[in-house]
Structure formats: C-alpha cells, structure tokens
N, C-alpha and C. Protein backbone atom coordinates (compact mmCIF):
# COMPACT_ATOMS: atom_id res chain seq x y z
N VAL A 1 -5.99 11.37 -8.60
CA VAL A 1 -5.29 12.48 -9.23
C VAL A 1 -5.68 13.78 -8.53
N MET A 2 -6.96 13.89 -8.19
CA MET A 2 -7.40 15.12 -7.53
C MET A 2 -6.77 15.26 -6.14
N VAL A 3 -6.60 14.13 -5.45
CA VAL A 3 -5.99 14.18 -4.12
C VAL A 3 -4.54 14.62 -4.23
N LEU A 4 -3.82 14.09 -5.22
CA LEU A 4 -2.44 14.49 -5.41
C LEU A 4 -2.33 15.97 -5.77
N ALA A 5 -3.24 16.46 -6.61
CA ALA A 5 -3.23 17.87 -6.98
C ALA A 5 -3.52 18.75 -5.76
N LEU A 6 -4.48 18.36 -4.94
CA LEU A 6 -4.80 19.12 -3.74
C LEU A 6 -3.63 19.15 -2.77
N LEU A 7 -3.00 18.00 -2.56
CA LEU A 7 -1.85 17.96 -1.66
C LEU A 7 -0.68 18.76 -2.19
N ALA A 8 -0.44 18.68 -3.50
CA ALA A 8 0.66 19.45 -4.09
C ALA A 8 0.40 20.95 -3.97
N SER A 9 -0.83 21.38 -4.19
CA SER A 9 -1.12 22.81 -4.08
C SER A 9 -0.99 23.30 -2.64
N ARG A 10 -1.38 22.44 -1.69
CA ARG A 10 -1.27 22.83 -0.29
C ARG A 10 0.19 22.92 0.13
N LEU A 11 1.00 21.97 -0.33
CA LEU A 11 2.42 22.00 0.01
C LEU A 11 3.13 23.18 -0.64
N SER A 12 2.75 23.50 -1.88
CA SER A 12 3.43 24.59 -2.58
C SER A 12 3.00 25.96 -2.07
N SER A 13 1.84 26.05 -1.42
CA SER A 13 1.38 27.35 -0.93
C SER A 13 2.05 27.75 0.38
N GLY A 14 2.82 26.83 0.95
CA GLY A 14 3.52 27.16 2.19
C GLY A 14 2.67 26.98 3.43
N ALA A 15 1.55 26.30 3.31
CA ALA A 15 0.71 26.05 4.47
C ALA A 15 1.46 25.18 5.47
N GLN A 16 1.31 25.51 6.73
CA GLN A 16 2.02 24.76 7.76
C GLN A 16 1.09 23.76 8.42
N ALA A 17 1.68 22.73 8.97
CA ALA A 17 0.91 21.70 9.66
C ALA A 17 0.25 22.30 10.90
N VAL A 18 -0.83 21.69 11.32
CA VAL A 18 -1.58 22.18 12.49
C VAL A 18 -0.74 22.06 13.75
N GLY A 19 -0.02 20.98 13.88
CA GLY A 19 0.80 20.78 15.07
C GLY A 19 2.08 20.06 14.70
N LYS A 20 2.74 19.55 15.72
CA LYS A 20 3.96 18.80 15.46
C LYS A 20 3.61 17.44 14.89
N LEU A 21 4.53 16.88 14.14
CA LEU A 21 4.33 15.56 13.56
C LEU A 21 4.43 14.50 14.67
N ALA A 22 3.54 13.53 14.61
CA ALA A 22 3.55 12.47 15.61
C ALA A 22 4.64 11.47 15.30
N LYS A 23 5.31 10.99 16.33
CA LYS A 23 6.34 9.98 16.15
C LYS A 23 5.69 8.61 16.07
N PHE A 24 6.39 7.70 15.42
CA PHE A 24 5.90 6.32 15.32
C PHE A 24 6.00 5.66 16.68
N GLU A 25 4.92 5.00 17.08
CA GLU A 25 4.90 4.28 18.35
C GLU A 25 4.74 2.80 18.07
N VAL A 26 5.53 2.00 18.75
CA VAL A 26 5.50 0.55 18.55
C VAL A 26 4.13 -0.01 18.93
N SER A 27 3.43 0.61 19.84
CA SER A 27 2.12 0.11 20.27
C SER A 27 1.08 0.19 19.15
N ASN A 28 1.35 0.96 18.10
CA ASN A 28 0.42 1.09 16.98
C ASN A 28 0.74 0.16 15.81
N ILE A 29 1.64 -0.80 16.02
CA ILE A 29 2.06 -1.66 14.91
C ILE A 29 0.90 -2.52 14.41
N PHE A 30 0.01 -2.97 15.30
CA PHE A 30 -1.11 -3.80 14.87
C PHE A 30 -2.14 -2.99 14.08
N LEU A 31 -2.30 -1.74 14.42
CA LEU A 31 -3.15 -0.85 13.63
C LEU A 31 -2.57 -0.67 12.23
N PHE A 32 -1.27 -0.52 12.15
CA PHE A 32 -0.60 -0.42 10.86
C PHE A 32 -0.80 -1.68 10.02
N ILE A 33 -0.63 -2.83 10.63
CA ILE A 33 -0.79 -4.10 9.90
C ILE A 33 -2.23 -4.28 9.44
N GLY A 34 -3.19 -3.90 10.26
CA GLY A 34 -4.60 -3.98 9.87
C GLY A 34 -4.92 -3.08 8.69
N ASN A 35 -4.41 -1.87 8.72
CA ASN A 35 -4.62 -0.94 7.60
C ASN A 35 -3.95 -1.46 6.33
N LEU A 36 -2.79 -2.05 6.48
CA LEU A 36 -2.08 -2.60 5.34
C LEU A 36 -2.86 -3.75 4.72
N ALA A 37 -3.39 -4.63 5.55
CA ALA A 37 -4.17 -5.76 5.04
C ALA A 37 -5.44 -5.28 4.34
N TYR A 38 -6.10 -4.27 4.90
CA TYR A 38 -7.31 -3.72 4.29
C TYR A 38 -6.99 -3.07 2.94
N ALA A 39 -5.88 -2.34 2.88
CA ALA A 39 -5.54 -1.62 1.66
C ALA A 39 -5.23 -2.56 0.50
N PHE A 40 -4.65 -3.70 0.78
CA PHE A 40 -4.26 -4.62 -0.28
C PHE A 40 -5.25 -5.77 -0.44
N GLU A 41 -6.42 -5.70 0.16
CA GLU A 41 -7.40 -6.77 0.05
C GLU A 41 -8.01 -6.75 -1.34
N GLY A 42 -7.85 -7.81 -2.06
CA GLY A 42 -8.40 -7.89 -3.40
C GLY A 42 -8.35 -9.31 -3.93
N ILE A 43 -8.22 -10.27 -3.04
CA ILE A 43 -8.06 -11.66 -3.45
C ILE A 43 -9.28 -12.16 -4.20
N GLY A 44 -10.44 -11.57 -3.97
CA GLY A 44 -11.64 -11.97 -4.69
C GLY A 44 -11.59 -11.63 -6.17
N LEU A 45 -10.68 -10.76 -6.55
CA LEU A 45 -10.54 -10.38 -7.95
C LEU A 45 -9.35 -11.04 -8.65
N VAL A 46 -8.42 -11.56 -7.88
CA VAL A 46 -7.19 -12.08 -8.47
C VAL A 46 -7.46 -13.28 -9.36
N LEU A 47 -8.16 -14.29 -8.87
CA LEU A 47 -8.39 -15.50 -9.65
C LEU A 47 -9.26 -15.25 -10.88
N PRO A 48 -10.36 -14.50 -10.80
CA PRO A 48 -11.12 -14.24 -12.03
C PRO A 48 -10.33 -13.47 -13.08
N VAL A 49 -9.48 -12.54 -12.64
CA VAL A 49 -8.67 -11.79 -13.60
C VAL A 49 -7.66 -12.73 -14.27
N GLU A 50 -7.05 -13.60 -13.48
CA GLU A 50 -6.08 -14.54 -14.04
C GLU A 50 -6.76 -15.49 -15.04
N ASN A 51 -7.94 -15.96 -14.71
CA ASN A 51 -8.66 -16.88 -15.59
C ASN A 51 -9.12 -16.21 -16.88
N SER A 52 -9.37 -14.91 -16.85
CA SER A 52 -9.86 -14.22 -18.05
C SER A 52 -8.74 -13.66 -18.92
N MET A 53 -7.50 -13.82 -18.48
CA MET A 53 -6.38 -13.29 -19.27
C MET A 53 -6.14 -14.13 -20.51
N GLU A 54 -5.67 -13.48 -21.56
CA GLU A 54 -5.33 -14.18 -22.79
C GLU A 54 -4.09 -15.06 -22.59
N ASN A 55 -3.12 -14.54 -21.83
CA ASN A 55 -1.90 -15.29 -21.51
C ASN A 55 -1.76 -15.39 -19.99
N PRO A 56 -2.42 -16.38 -19.37
CA PRO A 56 -2.37 -16.47 -17.90
C PRO A 56 -0.96 -16.72 -17.35
N ASP A 57 -0.05 -17.19 -18.17
CA ASP A 57 1.30 -17.43 -17.69
C ASP A 57 2.05 -16.13 -17.39
N ARG A 58 1.58 -15.01 -17.91
CA ARG A 58 2.19 -13.70 -17.63
C ARG A 58 1.53 -12.99 -16.44
N PHE A 59 0.68 -13.70 -15.71
CA PHE A 59 -0.06 -13.08 -14.61
C PHE A 59 0.88 -12.54 -13.53
N GLY A 60 1.94 -13.27 -13.23
CA GLY A 60 2.88 -12.81 -12.21
C GLY A 60 3.51 -11.48 -12.54
N VAL A 61 3.84 -11.27 -13.79
CA VAL A 61 4.44 -10.00 -14.22
C VAL A 61 3.43 -8.87 -14.08
N VAL A 62 2.22 -9.13 -14.54
CA VAL A 62 1.16 -8.10 -14.45
C VAL A 62 0.85 -7.78 -13.00
N LEU A 63 0.74 -8.79 -12.18
CA LEU A 63 0.45 -8.57 -10.75
C LEU A 63 1.58 -7.80 -10.08
N GLY A 64 2.81 -8.14 -10.39
CA GLY A 64 3.95 -7.43 -9.80
C GLY A 64 3.97 -5.95 -10.16
N LYS A 65 3.72 -5.65 -11.43
CA LYS A 65 3.70 -4.24 -11.87
C LYS A 65 2.53 -3.49 -11.24
N ALA A 66 1.38 -4.14 -11.15
CA ALA A 66 0.21 -3.49 -10.54
C ALA A 66 0.46 -3.21 -9.05
N MET A 67 1.03 -4.17 -8.34
CA MET A 67 1.30 -3.98 -6.92
C MET A 67 2.35 -2.90 -6.70
N ALA A 68 3.37 -2.86 -7.54
CA ALA A 68 4.38 -1.81 -7.41
C ALA A 68 3.77 -0.43 -7.63
N THR A 69 2.88 -0.31 -8.63
CA THR A 69 2.21 0.96 -8.88
C THR A 69 1.34 1.37 -7.69
N ILE A 70 0.61 0.42 -7.14
CA ILE A 70 -0.26 0.72 -5.99
C ILE A 70 0.57 1.14 -4.78
N VAL A 71 1.66 0.45 -4.53
CA VAL A 71 2.52 0.81 -3.39
C VAL A 71 3.07 2.22 -3.55
N ILE A 72 3.51 2.57 -4.75
CA ILE A 72 4.06 3.91 -4.98
C ILE A 72 2.99 4.98 -4.79
N VAL A 73 1.79 4.74 -5.32
CA VAL A 73 0.71 5.73 -5.17
C VAL A 73 0.31 5.87 -3.71
N PHE A 74 0.15 4.75 -2.99
CA PHE A 74 -0.20 4.82 -1.57
C PHE A 74 0.89 5.54 -0.78
N PHE A 75 2.14 5.26 -1.09
CA PHE A 75 3.24 5.91 -0.39
C PHE A 75 3.25 7.42 -0.62
N LEU A 76 3.07 7.83 -1.89
CA LEU A 76 3.07 9.26 -2.20
C LEU A 76 1.91 9.99 -1.53
N VAL A 77 0.71 9.42 -1.65
CA VAL A 77 -0.46 10.08 -1.05
C VAL A 77 -0.32 10.12 0.47
N GLY A 78 0.12 9.03 1.07
CA GLY A 78 0.30 9.01 2.53
C GLY A 78 1.35 9.98 2.99
N THR A 79 2.46 10.04 2.29
CA THR A 79 3.54 10.95 2.68
C THR A 79 3.13 12.40 2.50
N TRP A 80 2.57 12.71 1.35
CA TRP A 80 2.14 14.10 1.12
C TRP A 80 1.02 14.51 2.08
N GLY A 81 0.10 13.60 2.37
CA GLY A 81 -0.95 13.91 3.33
C GLY A 81 -0.41 14.13 4.72
N TYR A 82 0.60 13.37 5.10
CA TYR A 82 1.22 13.50 6.42
C TYR A 82 1.97 14.82 6.53
N VAL A 83 2.65 15.20 5.47
CA VAL A 83 3.42 16.44 5.48
C VAL A 83 2.50 17.66 5.42
N ALA A 84 1.42 17.54 4.65
CA ALA A 84 0.51 18.68 4.51
C ALA A 84 -0.19 18.91 5.83
C-alpha cells in the first residue's frame, strides 16, 4: 500500500522520468521469464493450505481469485514504477 501511495504521489506531482523509456528487447525474454517464475513461486505453500481448508474442493476458486489479485497488484506496481 505504501509503494502504491508513493508512486501515486510521484505521478501526481508531475515528476518526470530520468530518461527515455526503454523499449522491450527480445534478448531479455529469458530474464522476464525468470522474474515471472520467481514472483509466482509458492508451491511449498499450496498443498498445506489446500489440506488445511475446511472445504478443499473449493481450492481452485480460492487459488484463481488469489492469483488474479496478485497479477493485478504486480501489474499496477510495475506499470506505475515504470512510468514514475
């Protein structure tokens, strides 16, 4: 929450980026995939959480909503940080 507030205040103050925005380069695709795998690494917690649930049959719904929330937060923070 603090990161989002900091980025929002920086964007609203009219601060400009230090330089030009970097373009996406295909040579960095493996770096992107590595960062993506690191960001979503949590398999060590998935099975214990499923086993401790009262209704384990609803695990797919809970996991889907949690992943959607995480993707949205990561996207917003990454985009705002890139723009700021």
